[in-house]
Amino acid sequence: MGITQDNTLELIQLAKNDIPVILTTDNYITTAGVHSKISFSVNTAATGAGKTLIIAWGLTELTFTTAASPDDSGLEIPRKEDYGSTVDYAAAVAEYLLKNEILNNNFYVWSQSFGVNLVAKIAGEDYDVSTGVSGTLNVTTSSPVAGVDEVRNSDVKIVIGVYVFEEVVTIGGDDLDHYEKVKTIELEPLDNSKATFYLQNTLLPYFIERIIPSFNQNSITASSDFLLKFYYRYAERSETSSASATQSDIMYAVNGGLNRKDFEENSFYDDLITGASSKFLTWHPTTKYLTKQQHDYLYFIRTTTSHAIAVRYVATLTDGTTETIDITSIVTVAYDGVIIPVGYNYVNGLAFTKDVVAYDVQVFQKLVPSGTIGDSLSEVRTYKIIDNTPLLAKYYLFKNSLSAYESICFTGERTTTTEIDKKVSTRSLTNDDDHTVNEDIVSNVQYRYIKKFATGYQTEDQRNFLLEFLKSEDIYEQTADHYKPVTLKSVKSIINVEQEFISSSPIEITDNNEKNYSNA
C-alpha cells in the first residue's frame, strides 16, 4: 500500500490555527472511474425542420427537433440551412443543447470546428453516452468513450498517530522515548483518495498553561515549555493488512494563533520563524512608550540551532549620548521561548553610565567560543520613557494572542466599587410552648471589588494593540509587589474616525480573589 503527504508543514506551527496534514493513498480506488464522452459532426446533417437528434444515457433519453425558429424550451435546435457554414451551425447546435437543463446538469457541451463534444460530468456506466447519439438529423459520431464505474476499496483507512513530548521517562536512549502517543485518528479517504487530519485540537490540551514572567523579572530567561514538541506517524490500514508507518520530523507548536486575515495577508508568520528579521511575539507598534514604573517584556523564539544568542540594548542617555550593552550570559537551546525584560527598571539597572531615556532591543547570534556578537536574529524594538508618569496610570500584564505576556498602561479616570452578595436562609425554631418561630439567618456572604476605568485617548495603532488586551484570556494587575490576577468584565469602544483617535473606552475589571465567608 502507498501513502503520501501532499502538504509540507512549517517546523513551527500555531496551535490556535489549523494544522492540516493532507494524506493521499493510491490503494483506495482499485478501478478508476471513466467519464463517458462522444463527438458528433454536423457536416453531414440533414436539412429541413422536424429532424431529430436523440441523446441517450442510462435511463434518460432526450429528443431534440430542428425548427426554423427554435424556442428556449430546451428541446429544439436550429436547421442547418439557416447558417452559412457548418462551423457556425455546430456552435448554434451546442448553444441550444445547453438550454436543456437535464443535459446541461449532466454533461459538458461545446462545439469544436464542425462538431459538438459531449463529456459526462460524472464518471460511470449510468452516464455512458458513447452509443447514445442517433436520430434523423443524420450526424456522424466519433471518438466514443464508454463510462466506467469507479471501484473503491472501502476497507482501506488512513490512520495518524500524534505524539507529544513529556518528561524524560528513561535514562539515555533515543529521544523518541520521551514522547507519548496522545491520540490515534482513523479516516476513510474522500472521493479523491485524500484524508485531511487537523492536529490543533489534539495538541492544545498539552501546553503548559502559562509561561509568565516573575514579578519585576531582572534577568533574561528561557523556557523549553513555551513551545510544544510533537511529531506524527501515518499509515494505511485494512482488515487484512497494514503498512509500516511514515514518521514526520520533530515539530514545534505555539499556544497562539493569528486571525484569518493576518494569517493569509500578513507576513508575520514567515517573519516569525525565518530570516534575520524574526519577529518578537507582539502586535504592538515597533515603538512603545513606557513609564518608569511599568514592567514590560518581549518574547522571542530561538530558532537558530548553530549559535547561542545575545540580547543587545542600545540606550540613549540623559545627556544625549548612546551606549550599548550586550547580554551574552543567556542559557538557551534551540526552540526555547526567551523572555526578555524591557521595562525601565531593568534596563536602567544595567551598567549604563547615566540614566536612560530611550533604548533599542535586538537579538543577535553569540559566537562560540569567542563570545562575540554575530549576525542579527531579530527585528529592532524601540522603547521611549515617559518623563512624568500620569497621575492615574494603571498597568496590566496580559497574555496576547501569541501566548506571550506584555504590558499595557491606562491613564483614564477610574473608580472602585464593592459588590456584596448575601445568601439568606430561613430556619424554624420551636419554643417551650410548642410554638414555631421562623428566623432568617445569613448563611453566606460574598464580596468582590470591581474597578472601572477609562483607557485614555489612543491612536489607531494603540487601539489595535488594545484589542489584544481586550481579547486576552489571562490578565494581571501590576501592584507594588506582585501581579494580581483579574478578570475583564466588559468594555465599550467608541471610535472617532475624523480625528484618528478613539475616545476613552470604559473598562470593567474584577479581582479574581473573590472573598467568601460562610456560616453553613
Protein backbone atom coordinates (compact mmCIF):
# COMPACT_ATOMS: atom_id res chain seq x y z
CA MET A 1 0.00 0.00 0.00
CA GLY A 2 1.22 3.53 -0.79
CA ILE A 3 0.51 6.76 1.06
CA THR A 4 1.99 10.24 0.63
CA GLN A 5 1.67 13.60 2.38
CA ASP A 6 0.53 16.30 -0.03
CA ASN A 7 1.38 19.38 2.04
CA THR A 8 4.54 20.49 3.82
CA LEU A 9 4.20 21.86 7.33
CA GLU A 10 6.50 24.54 8.70
CA LEU A 11 8.67 23.45 11.59
CA ILE A 12 6.82 25.86 13.93
CA GLN A 13 3.03 25.78 13.96
CA LEU A 14 0.40 27.99 15.58
CA ALA A 15 -1.88 25.68 17.54
CA LYS A 16 -4.84 28.08 17.51
CA ASN A 17 -4.85 28.00 13.72
CA ASP A 18 -5.49 24.93 11.60
CA ILE A 19 -2.64 22.42 11.41
CA PRO A 20 -3.73 20.22 8.48
CA VAL A 21 -1.96 17.04 7.42
CA ILE A 22 -3.25 16.05 3.95
CA LEU A 23 -2.59 12.42 3.04
CA THR A 24 -3.30 10.57 -0.20
CA THR A 25 -3.47 6.83 -0.75
CA ASP A 26 -3.09 5.06 -4.08
CA ASN A 27 -4.96 1.97 -2.88
CA TYR A 28 -8.39 3.35 -2.10
CA ILE A 29 -9.57 3.33 -5.73
CA THR A 30 -8.94 -0.06 -7.35
CA THR A 31 -10.65 0.81 -10.65
CA ALA A 32 -10.63 4.40 -11.80
CA GLY A 33 -13.93 5.82 -12.94
CA VAL A 34 -14.14 6.91 -16.57
CA HIS A 35 -16.21 9.86 -17.84
CA SER A 36 -18.07 8.87 -20.97
CA LYS A 37 -17.70 11.11 -23.98
CA ILE A 38 -18.57 11.31 -27.65
CA SER A 39 -18.27 13.76 -30.53
CA PHE A 40 -20.61 14.18 -33.47
CA SER A 41 -20.15 16.09 -36.70
CA VAL A 42 -22.91 18.20 -38.25
CA ASN A 43 -21.10 18.20 -41.61
CA THR A 44 -23.46 15.53 -42.89
CA ALA A 45 -26.55 16.81 -41.04
CA ALA A 46 -29.87 16.73 -42.92
CA THR A 47 -31.67 19.96 -43.75
CA GLY A 48 -35.23 20.92 -43.02
CA ALA A 49 -37.44 21.19 -40.00
CA GLY A 50 -38.62 18.23 -37.94
CA LYS A 51 -35.33 16.36 -37.98
CA THR A 52 -34.46 14.68 -34.68
CA LEU A 53 -31.25 14.43 -32.62
CA ILE A 54 -31.55 11.82 -29.89
CA ILE A 55 -29.09 11.81 -26.96
CA ALA A 56 -29.48 8.93 -24.53
CA TRP A 57 -27.63 7.62 -21.45
CA GLY A 58 -28.70 5.28 -18.70
CA LEU A 59 -32.46 5.58 -18.27
CA THR A 60 -32.60 9.05 -19.85
CA GLU A 61 -33.40 9.84 -23.48
CA LEU A 62 -33.72 13.37 -24.84
CA THR A 63 -35.08 14.17 -28.32
CA PHE A 64 -34.23 17.48 -29.93
CA THR A 65 -36.13 18.63 -33.06
CA THR A 66 -34.92 21.09 -35.69
CA ALA A 67 -37.03 24.21 -36.22
CA ALA A 68 -36.85 27.37 -38.33
CA SER A 69 -37.14 29.50 -35.18
CA PRO A 70 -36.18 27.27 -32.25
CA ASP A 71 -37.63 28.30 -28.89
CA ASP A 72 -35.99 28.24 -25.46
CA SER A 73 -37.76 25.06 -24.34
CA GLY A 74 -34.50 23.15 -24.46
CA LEU A 75 -35.98 20.62 -26.90
CA GLU A 76 -35.48 22.46 -30.21
CA ILE A 77 -32.35 23.14 -32.24
CA PRO A 78 -31.85 25.24 -35.43
CA ARG A 79 -31.89 23.99 -39.03
CA LYS A 80 -28.63 23.55 -40.90
CA GLU A 81 -29.69 25.63 -43.90
CA ASP A 82 -30.10 28.74 -41.74
CA TYR A 83 -26.30 29.02 -41.23
CA GLY A 84 -23.64 29.94 -43.72
CA SER A 85 -21.07 27.37 -42.53
CA THR A 86 -21.02 24.09 -40.64
CA VAL A 87 -18.74 25.70 -38.04
CA ASP A 88 -21.41 28.28 -37.25
CA TYR A 89 -24.09 25.61 -37.28
CA ALA A 90 -22.15 23.42 -34.83
CA ALA A 91 -21.79 26.38 -32.45
CA ALA A 92 -25.54 27.08 -32.68
CA VAL A 93 -26.46 23.43 -32.00
CA ALA A 94 -24.23 23.38 -28.92
CA GLU A 95 -25.78 26.64 -27.68
CA TYR A 96 -29.34 25.28 -27.95
CA LEU A 97 -28.44 21.91 -26.45
CA LEU A 98 -27.20 23.72 -23.34
CA LYS A 99 -30.68 25.23 -22.92
CA ASN A 100 -31.83 21.76 -21.86
CA GLU A 101 -31.46 21.70 -18.08
CA ILE A 102 -31.17 17.92 -17.84
CA LEU A 103 -28.41 17.72 -20.43
CA ASN A 104 -26.64 20.78 -19.01
CA ASN A 105 -26.66 19.32 -15.48
CA ASN A 106 -25.10 16.04 -16.56
CA PHE A 107 -22.78 16.86 -19.48
CA TYR A 108 -20.25 19.40 -20.63
CA VAL A 109 -21.25 20.52 -24.14
CA TRP A 110 -19.18 22.64 -26.53
CA SER A 111 -18.57 23.00 -30.25
CA GLN A 112 -15.27 22.39 -31.96
CA SER A 113 -14.85 23.14 -35.67
CA PHE A 114 -17.84 21.47 -37.37
CA GLY A 115 -18.58 19.12 -34.49
CA VAL A 116 -20.12 19.04 -31.00
CA ASN A 117 -18.50 17.36 -27.97
CA LEU A 118 -20.32 15.74 -25.04
CA VAL A 119 -18.46 14.72 -21.86
CA ALA A 120 -20.25 13.33 -18.79
CA LYS A 121 -19.75 15.36 -15.61
CA ILE A 122 -19.86 12.20 -13.51
CA ALA A 123 -17.88 9.03 -14.21
CA GLY A 124 -19.65 5.71 -14.53
CA GLU A 125 -21.86 3.46 -16.58
CA ASP A 126 -25.03 5.38 -15.68
CA TYR A 127 -23.75 8.30 -17.77
CA ASP A 128 -22.49 6.27 -20.72
CA VAL A 129 -23.35 8.25 -23.85
CA SER A 130 -20.86 6.52 -26.12
CA THR A 131 -23.60 4.82 -28.18
CA GLY A 132 -26.41 7.21 -27.33
CA VAL A 133 -26.43 9.71 -30.23
CA SER A 134 -28.87 8.98 -33.09
CA GLY A 135 -31.88 10.41 -34.96
CA THR A 136 -32.93 11.60 -38.38
CA LEU A 137 -30.63 14.64 -38.25
CA ASN A 138 -28.07 12.14 -39.53
CA VAL A 139 -24.96 13.34 -37.61
CA THR A 140 -21.72 11.36 -37.74
CA THR A 141 -20.34 10.21 -34.37
CA SER A 142 -16.66 9.70 -33.48
CA SER A 143 -14.26 9.15 -30.55
CA PRO A 144 -16.72 7.39 -28.26
CA VAL A 145 -15.56 6.54 -24.73
CA ALA A 146 -17.69 4.28 -22.58
CA GLY A 147 -18.37 5.24 -18.96
CA VAL A 148 -16.77 3.02 -16.32
CA ASP A 149 -17.83 2.83 -12.66
CA GLU A 150 -15.22 3.65 -10.05
CA VAL A 151 -14.46 0.77 -7.71
CA ARG A 152 -13.29 1.64 -4.21
CA ASN A 153 -11.66 -0.45 -1.56
CA SER A 154 -13.79 0.79 1.34
CA ASP A 155 -11.77 -1.43 3.66
CA VAL A 156 -8.78 0.94 3.34
CA LYS A 157 -8.41 3.55 6.08
CA ILE A 158 -5.74 6.18 6.71
CA VAL A 159 -4.50 6.33 10.30
CA ILE A 160 -2.43 9.00 12.02
CA GLY A 161 -0.94 8.91 15.49
CA VAL A 162 0.09 12.09 17.32
CA TYR A 163 2.96 12.10 19.85
CA VAL A 164 3.85 14.94 22.24
CA PHE A 165 6.96 15.48 24.34
CA GLU A 166 6.66 14.59 28.01
CA GLU A 167 9.05 14.47 30.94
CA VAL A 168 12.07 12.25 30.42
CA VAL A 169 10.93 8.71 31.12
CA THR A 170 14.18 6.86 30.56
CA ILE A 171 17.84 7.46 31.23
CA GLY A 172 19.55 7.89 27.87
CA GLY A 173 18.13 6.08 24.89
CA ASP A 174 16.54 7.50 21.78
CA ASP A 175 14.96 10.94 22.10
CA LEU A 176 11.67 9.45 20.86
CA ASP A 177 11.45 7.62 24.18
CA HIS A 178 10.46 10.98 25.65
CA TYR A 179 7.26 11.27 23.59
CA GLU A 180 3.84 9.95 24.48
CA LYS A 181 1.23 8.91 21.97
CA VAL A 182 -1.80 11.04 22.83
CA LYS A 183 -4.24 10.28 20.04
CA THR A 184 -4.94 7.99 17.10
CA ILE A 185 -7.26 9.21 14.36
CA GLU A 186 -8.64 6.99 11.60
CA LEU A 187 -10.39 8.32 8.49
CA GLU A 188 -11.75 6.83 5.31
CA PRO A 189 -10.41 8.65 2.26
CA LEU A 190 -12.66 11.02 0.34
CA ASP A 191 -13.58 10.60 -3.33
CA ASN A 192 -10.18 11.99 -4.33
CA SER A 193 -8.36 9.38 -2.19
CA LYS A 194 -7.34 12.09 0.30
CA ALA A 195 -7.88 12.42 4.03
CA THR A 196 -7.17 15.62 5.95
CA PHE A 197 -6.26 15.42 9.63
CA TYR A 198 -6.33 18.57 11.78
CA LEU A 199 -3.88 18.33 14.67
CA GLN A 200 -4.50 21.59 16.57
CA ASN A 201 -7.28 20.33 18.85
CA THR A 202 -5.18 17.31 19.77
CA LEU A 203 -2.20 19.49 20.77
CA LEU A 204 -3.91 22.29 22.70
CA PRO A 205 -4.58 20.36 25.96
CA TYR A 206 -0.87 19.53 26.33
CA PHE A 207 0.54 23.04 26.61
CA ILE A 208 1.83 24.33 29.90
CA GLU A 209 -0.99 26.67 30.97
CA ARG A 210 1.13 29.83 31.14
CA ILE A 211 4.77 30.85 30.84
CA ILE A 212 4.59 34.11 32.78
CA PRO A 213 7.48 36.34 33.89
CA SER A 214 8.27 36.58 37.57
CA PHE A 215 7.39 39.90 39.20
CA ASN A 216 9.74 42.66 38.03
CA GLN A 217 11.93 39.98 36.46
CA ASN A 218 15.56 41.13 36.44
CA SER A 219 17.18 38.65 34.08
CA ILE A 220 16.67 37.16 30.63
CA THR A 221 15.26 33.65 30.97
CA ALA A 222 14.40 30.81 28.63
CA SER A 223 11.70 28.13 28.77
CA SER A 224 11.69 24.88 26.85
CA ASP A 225 7.98 24.57 27.72
CA PHE A 226 6.93 27.61 25.71
CA LEU A 227 6.84 25.50 22.54
CA LEU A 228 5.22 22.08 22.50
CA LYS A 229 7.34 19.45 20.75
CA PHE A 230 5.41 16.86 18.76
CA TYR A 231 5.52 14.57 15.78
CA TYR A 232 3.08 12.30 13.97
CA ARG A 233 3.13 8.94 12.22
CA TYR A 234 0.76 7.88 9.47
CA ALA A 235 -0.05 4.65 7.63
CA GLU A 236 -2.73 2.74 5.76
CA ARG A 237 -4.75 0.06 7.44
CA SER A 238 -7.27 -2.52 6.29
CA GLU A 239 -8.91 -5.57 7.79
CA THR A 240 -6.39 -7.83 6.10
CA SER A 241 -3.16 -5.87 6.20
CA SER A 242 -1.35 -2.76 7.40
CA ALA A 243 1.67 -0.91 6.11
CA SER A 244 4.64 0.37 8.05
CA ALA A 245 4.16 3.92 9.33
CA THR A 246 5.88 7.03 7.99
CA GLN A 247 7.14 9.44 10.64
CA SER A 248 7.27 13.23 10.43
CA ASP A 249 10.13 15.39 11.68
CA ILE A 250 10.06 16.67 15.23
CA MET A 251 7.93 19.83 15.12
CA TYR A 252 7.05 22.69 17.47
CA ALA A 253 3.75 24.40 18.26
CA VAL A 254 2.99 27.79 19.84
CA ASN A 255 -0.11 28.08 22.03
CA GLY A 256 -1.35 31.00 19.97
CA GLY A 257 -2.75 31.97 16.61
CA LEU A 258 -3.41 34.66 14.03
CA ASN A 259 -6.81 35.71 12.76
CA ARG A 260 -7.58 34.60 9.23
CA LYS A 261 -6.80 37.97 7.63
CA ASP A 262 -3.41 38.20 9.33
CA PHE A 263 -2.65 34.57 8.56
CA GLU A 264 -3.38 34.97 4.83
CA GLU A 265 -2.24 38.54 4.16
CA ASN A 266 0.41 39.30 6.76
CA SER A 267 4.00 38.12 6.59
CA PHE A 268 4.17 37.90 10.38
CA TYR A 269 4.18 34.10 10.40
CA ASP A 270 7.01 33.87 7.88
CA ASP A 271 8.97 36.58 9.69
CA LEU A 272 8.39 34.83 12.99
CA ILE A 273 10.46 31.80 12.09
CA THR A 274 12.72 32.77 9.21
CA GLY A 275 15.35 35.30 8.23
CA ALA A 276 17.28 37.98 10.05
CA SER A 277 14.15 39.98 10.91
CA SER A 278 12.37 37.38 13.04
CA LYS A 279 9.53 38.92 14.94
CA PHE A 280 9.09 39.23 18.66
CA LEU A 281 5.76 37.80 19.81
CA THR A 282 3.86 41.07 20.00
CA TRP A 283 1.45 43.08 17.88
CA HIS A 284 2.47 46.38 19.44
CA PRO A 285 3.92 49.00 17.05
CA THR A 286 7.71 48.84 16.94
CA THR A 287 7.97 51.95 19.13
CA LYS A 288 6.42 51.78 22.60
CA TYR A 289 6.17 54.42 25.31
CA LEU A 290 6.68 53.25 28.91
CA THR A 291 6.56 54.94 32.27
CA LYS A 292 9.41 54.36 34.71
CA GLN A 293 7.15 52.21 36.89
CA GLN A 294 5.83 50.00 34.08
CA HIS A 295 7.09 46.44 33.76
CA ASP A 296 7.28 45.04 30.24
CA TYR A 297 8.67 42.00 28.42
CA LEU A 298 9.45 40.72 24.95
CA TYR A 299 9.12 37.06 23.99
CA PHE A 300 11.32 35.60 21.29
CA ILE A 301 11.63 32.10 19.82
CA ARG A 302 15.21 30.99 19.34
CA THR A 303 15.14 29.16 16.01
CA THR A 304 18.88 29.00 15.39
CA THR A 305 20.45 25.63 16.12
CA SER A 306 24.06 26.54 15.34
CA HIS A 307 24.59 29.57 17.58
CA ALA A 308 23.80 30.77 21.06
CA ILE A 309 22.03 34.11 21.36
CA ALA A 310 22.70 37.51 22.93
CA VAL A 311 20.42 40.48 23.56
CA ARG A 312 21.66 43.97 22.73
CA TYR A 313 20.38 47.12 24.44
CA VAL A 314 21.36 50.38 22.70
CA ALA A 315 20.37 53.20 25.06
CA THR A 316 20.09 56.93 24.66
CA LEU A 317 21.17 58.57 27.90
CA THR A 318 20.08 61.76 29.62
CA ASP A 319 22.99 63.68 28.09
CA GLY A 320 22.05 62.62 24.56
CA THR A 321 24.88 60.10 24.12
CA THR A 322 24.32 56.43 23.30
CA GLU A 323 25.80 53.33 24.87
CA THR A 324 25.48 49.64 24.04
CA ILE A 325 25.31 46.68 26.41
CA ASP A 326 25.20 43.08 25.19
CA ILE A 327 23.78 40.42 27.48
CA THR A 328 25.56 37.23 26.44
CA SER A 329 25.09 35.02 29.51
CA ILE A 330 21.77 33.58 28.31
CA VAL A 331 21.33 29.83 28.74
CA THR A 332 19.11 28.57 25.93
CA VAL A 333 18.77 25.74 23.45
CA ALA A 334 17.16 25.79 20.03
CA TYR A 335 13.40 26.39 20.06
CA ASP A 336 13.30 27.79 23.57
CA GLY A 337 10.97 30.65 24.29
CA VAL A 338 13.11 33.55 25.56
CA ILE A 339 11.62 36.14 27.98
CA ILE A 340 13.42 39.49 27.74
CA PRO A 341 12.74 42.25 30.30
CA VAL A 342 12.40 45.63 28.57
CA GLY A 343 10.97 47.77 31.38
CA TYR A 344 12.78 50.87 32.61
CA ASN A 345 13.77 49.40 35.98
CA TYR A 346 15.60 46.51 34.36
CA VAL A 347 17.28 48.40 31.51
CA ASN A 348 18.27 51.38 33.63
CA GLY A 349 19.75 48.94 36.13
CA LEU A 350 22.26 47.69 33.58
CA ALA A 351 25.76 49.17 33.59
CA PHE A 352 24.98 52.35 31.67
CA THR A 353 26.90 55.41 32.86
CA LYS A 354 23.77 57.59 33.12
CA ASP A 355 20.01 57.14 33.26
CA VAL A 356 18.34 56.03 30.05
CA VAL A 357 15.61 57.95 28.23
CA ALA A 358 15.15 55.57 25.27
CA TYR A 359 16.58 52.28 24.06
CA ASP A 360 16.51 49.74 21.24
CA VAL A 361 16.33 45.99 21.87
CA GLN A 362 17.52 43.35 19.41
CA VAL A 363 18.61 39.70 19.43
CA PHE A 364 21.92 38.60 17.85
CA GLN A 365 23.95 35.46 17.37
CA LYS A 366 26.52 34.81 20.06
CA LEU A 367 29.63 33.27 18.53
CA VAL A 368 31.22 30.43 20.44
CA PRO A 369 33.84 30.13 21.88
CA SER A 370 34.80 33.79 21.41
CA GLY A 371 31.57 35.14 22.90
CA THR A 372 31.50 37.92 20.32
CA ILE A 373 28.33 39.15 18.63
CA GLY A 374 27.43 37.80 15.19
CA ASP A 375 24.55 38.46 12.81
CA SER A 376 21.20 39.92 13.79
CA LEU A 377 18.42 37.41 14.50
CA SER A 378 15.52 39.75 15.17
CA GLU A 379 13.77 42.96 14.36
CA VAL A 380 14.54 46.10 16.40
CA ARG A 381 12.13 47.25 19.11
CA THR A 382 12.32 50.81 20.44
CA TYR A 383 11.20 52.00 23.88
CA LYS A 384 10.85 55.62 24.95
CA ILE A 385 10.47 56.59 28.59
CA ILE A 386 7.70 58.98 29.63
CA ASP A 387 9.33 61.51 31.93
CA ASN A 388 6.29 62.41 34.03
CA THR A 389 4.11 59.46 34.98
CA PRO A 390 0.40 60.28 34.59
CA LEU A 391 -1.34 60.55 37.95
CA LEU A 392 -3.93 57.87 37.16
CA ALA A 393 -1.58 55.44 35.37
CA LYS A 394 -2.53 51.80 35.87
CA TYR A 395 -0.58 48.83 34.47
CA TYR A 396 -1.76 45.40 33.38
CA LEU A 397 0.22 42.39 32.24
CA PHE A 398 -1.70 40.23 29.80
CA LYS A 399 -1.30 37.16 27.61
CA ASN A 400 -1.55 38.12 23.95
CA SER A 401 -2.80 36.05 21.02
CA LEU A 402 0.68 34.59 20.50
CA SER A 403 0.84 33.35 24.13
CA ALA A 404 3.38 35.99 25.20
CA TYR A 405 2.92 38.31 28.17
CA GLU A 406 3.31 42.05 27.76
CA SER A 407 2.04 45.18 29.46
CA ILE A 408 -0.39 47.97 28.75
CA CYS A 409 -0.84 51.29 30.56
CA PHE A 410 -4.17 53.07 31.08
CA THR A 411 -4.34 56.71 32.15
CA GLY A 412 -8.08 57.44 32.21
CA GLU A 413 -10.38 58.12 35.16
CA ARG A 414 -11.07 55.12 37.39
CA THR A 415 -13.38 54.15 40.24
CA THR A 416 -13.53 51.20 42.62
CA THR A 417 -16.80 49.72 43.88
CA THR A 418 -17.65 46.79 46.10
CA GLU A 419 -20.37 44.24 45.38
CA ILE A 420 -21.74 42.16 48.25
CA ASP A 421 -23.97 39.13 47.79
CA LYS A 422 -25.71 37.59 50.82
CA LYS A 423 -27.44 34.25 50.90
CA VAL A 424 -30.28 34.29 53.43
CA SER A 425 -31.79 31.07 54.78
CA THR A 426 -34.84 30.53 56.95
CA ARG A 427 -34.83 28.11 59.86
CA SER A 428 -37.70 27.10 62.15
CA LEU A 429 -37.38 27.21 65.96
CA THR A 430 -39.82 25.71 68.49
CA ASN A 431 -40.14 27.42 71.89
CA ASP A 432 -41.22 25.96 75.23
CA ASP A 433 -44.90 26.47 74.39
CA ASP A 434 -44.53 24.40 71.23
CA HIS A 435 -44.92 27.49 69.08
CA THR A 436 -42.88 27.51 65.84
CA VAL A 437 -40.94 30.64 65.04
CA ASN A 438 -39.23 31.26 61.67
CA GLU A 439 -35.88 33.01 61.79
CA ASP A 440 -33.85 34.41 58.86
CA ILE A 441 -30.10 33.89 59.03
CA VAL A 442 -27.31 34.92 56.69
CA SER A 443 -25.61 31.68 55.64
CA ASN A 444 -23.14 33.02 53.10
CA VAL A 445 -21.55 36.37 52.26
CA GLN A 446 -19.57 37.05 49.14
CA TYR A 447 -17.99 40.32 48.13
CA ARG A 448 -15.69 41.44 45.36
CA TYR A 449 -14.02 44.64 44.24
CA ILE A 450 -14.91 45.96 40.80
CA LYS A 451 -12.66 48.55 39.21
CA LYS A 452 -13.97 50.71 36.40
CA PHE A 453 -11.61 52.89 34.44
CA ALA A 454 -11.15 54.54 31.10
CA THR A 455 -8.29 53.82 28.72
CA GLY A 456 -7.44 57.41 27.93
CA TYR A 457 -7.32 58.68 24.36
CA GLN A 458 -5.45 56.43 21.98
CA THR A 459 -4.17 56.47 18.40
CA GLU A 460 -5.24 53.92 15.81
CA ASP A 461 -2.09 51.83 16.37
CA GLN A 462 -2.69 51.90 20.11
CA ARG A 463 -6.27 50.87 19.53
CA ASN A 464 -5.20 47.78 17.59
CA PHE A 465 -2.91 46.84 20.47
CA LEU A 466 -5.77 47.50 22.91
CA LEU A 467 -7.80 44.82 21.12
CA GLU A 468 -5.12 42.29 22.04
CA PHE A 469 -5.69 43.18 25.70
CA LEU A 470 -9.47 43.02 25.37
CA LYS A 471 -9.30 39.54 23.82
CA SER A 472 -6.85 38.21 26.40
CA GLU A 473 -7.77 35.16 28.47
CA ASP A 474 -5.22 35.89 31.20
CA ILE A 475 -4.77 39.37 32.75
CA TYR A 476 -2.86 40.59 35.82
CA GLU A 477 -2.79 43.94 37.57
CA GLN A 478 0.70 45.19 38.38
CA THR A 479 0.65 46.08 42.07
CA ALA A 480 3.50 47.23 44.28
CA ASP A 481 4.82 43.73 44.89
CA HIS A 482 3.08 41.15 42.69
CA TYR A 483 0.96 40.51 39.60
CA LYS A 484 -2.63 40.10 40.79
CA PRO A 485 -4.98 38.04 38.56
CA VAL A 486 -8.06 39.93 37.40
CA THR A 487 -10.97 39.32 35.05
CA LEU A 488 -12.03 41.69 32.30
CA LYS A 489 -15.79 42.09 32.68
CA SER A 490 -16.91 44.48 29.93
CA VAL A 491 -15.74 47.12 27.50
CA LYS A 492 -17.27 49.55 25.05
CA SER A 493 -15.02 51.19 22.47
CA ILE A 494 -16.09 54.31 20.59
CA ILE A 495 -14.12 55.34 17.52
CA ASN A 496 -13.84 58.94 16.43
CA VAL A 497 -12.62 58.37 12.86
CA GLU A 498 -12.48 62.05 11.86
CA GLN A 499 -9.77 62.84 14.42
CA GLU A 500 -7.98 59.48 14.03
CA PHE A 501 -8.28 58.91 17.77
CA ILE A 502 -10.57 56.68 19.73
CA SER A 503 -12.34 58.13 22.69
CA SER A 504 -11.69 56.97 26.21
CA SER A 505 -13.14 53.44 26.45
CA PRO A 506 -14.81 52.31 29.69
CA ILE A 507 -13.45 49.01 31.01
CA GLU A 508 -14.61 46.98 33.98
CA ILE A 509 -12.28 44.59 35.82
CA THR A 510 -12.95 42.28 38.77
CA ASP A 511 -10.39 40.88 41.19
CA ASN A 512 -10.15 37.11 40.87
CA ASN A 513 -9.58 36.59 44.58
CA GLU A 514 -13.27 36.93 45.46
CA LYS A 515 -13.87 36.94 49.21
CA ASN A 516 -16.19 34.29 50.62
CA TYR A 517 -17.46 33.74 54.15
CA SER A 518 -19.89 31.02 55.14
CA ASN A 519 -21.87 30.14 58.24
CA ALA A 520 -23.17 26.93 56.66
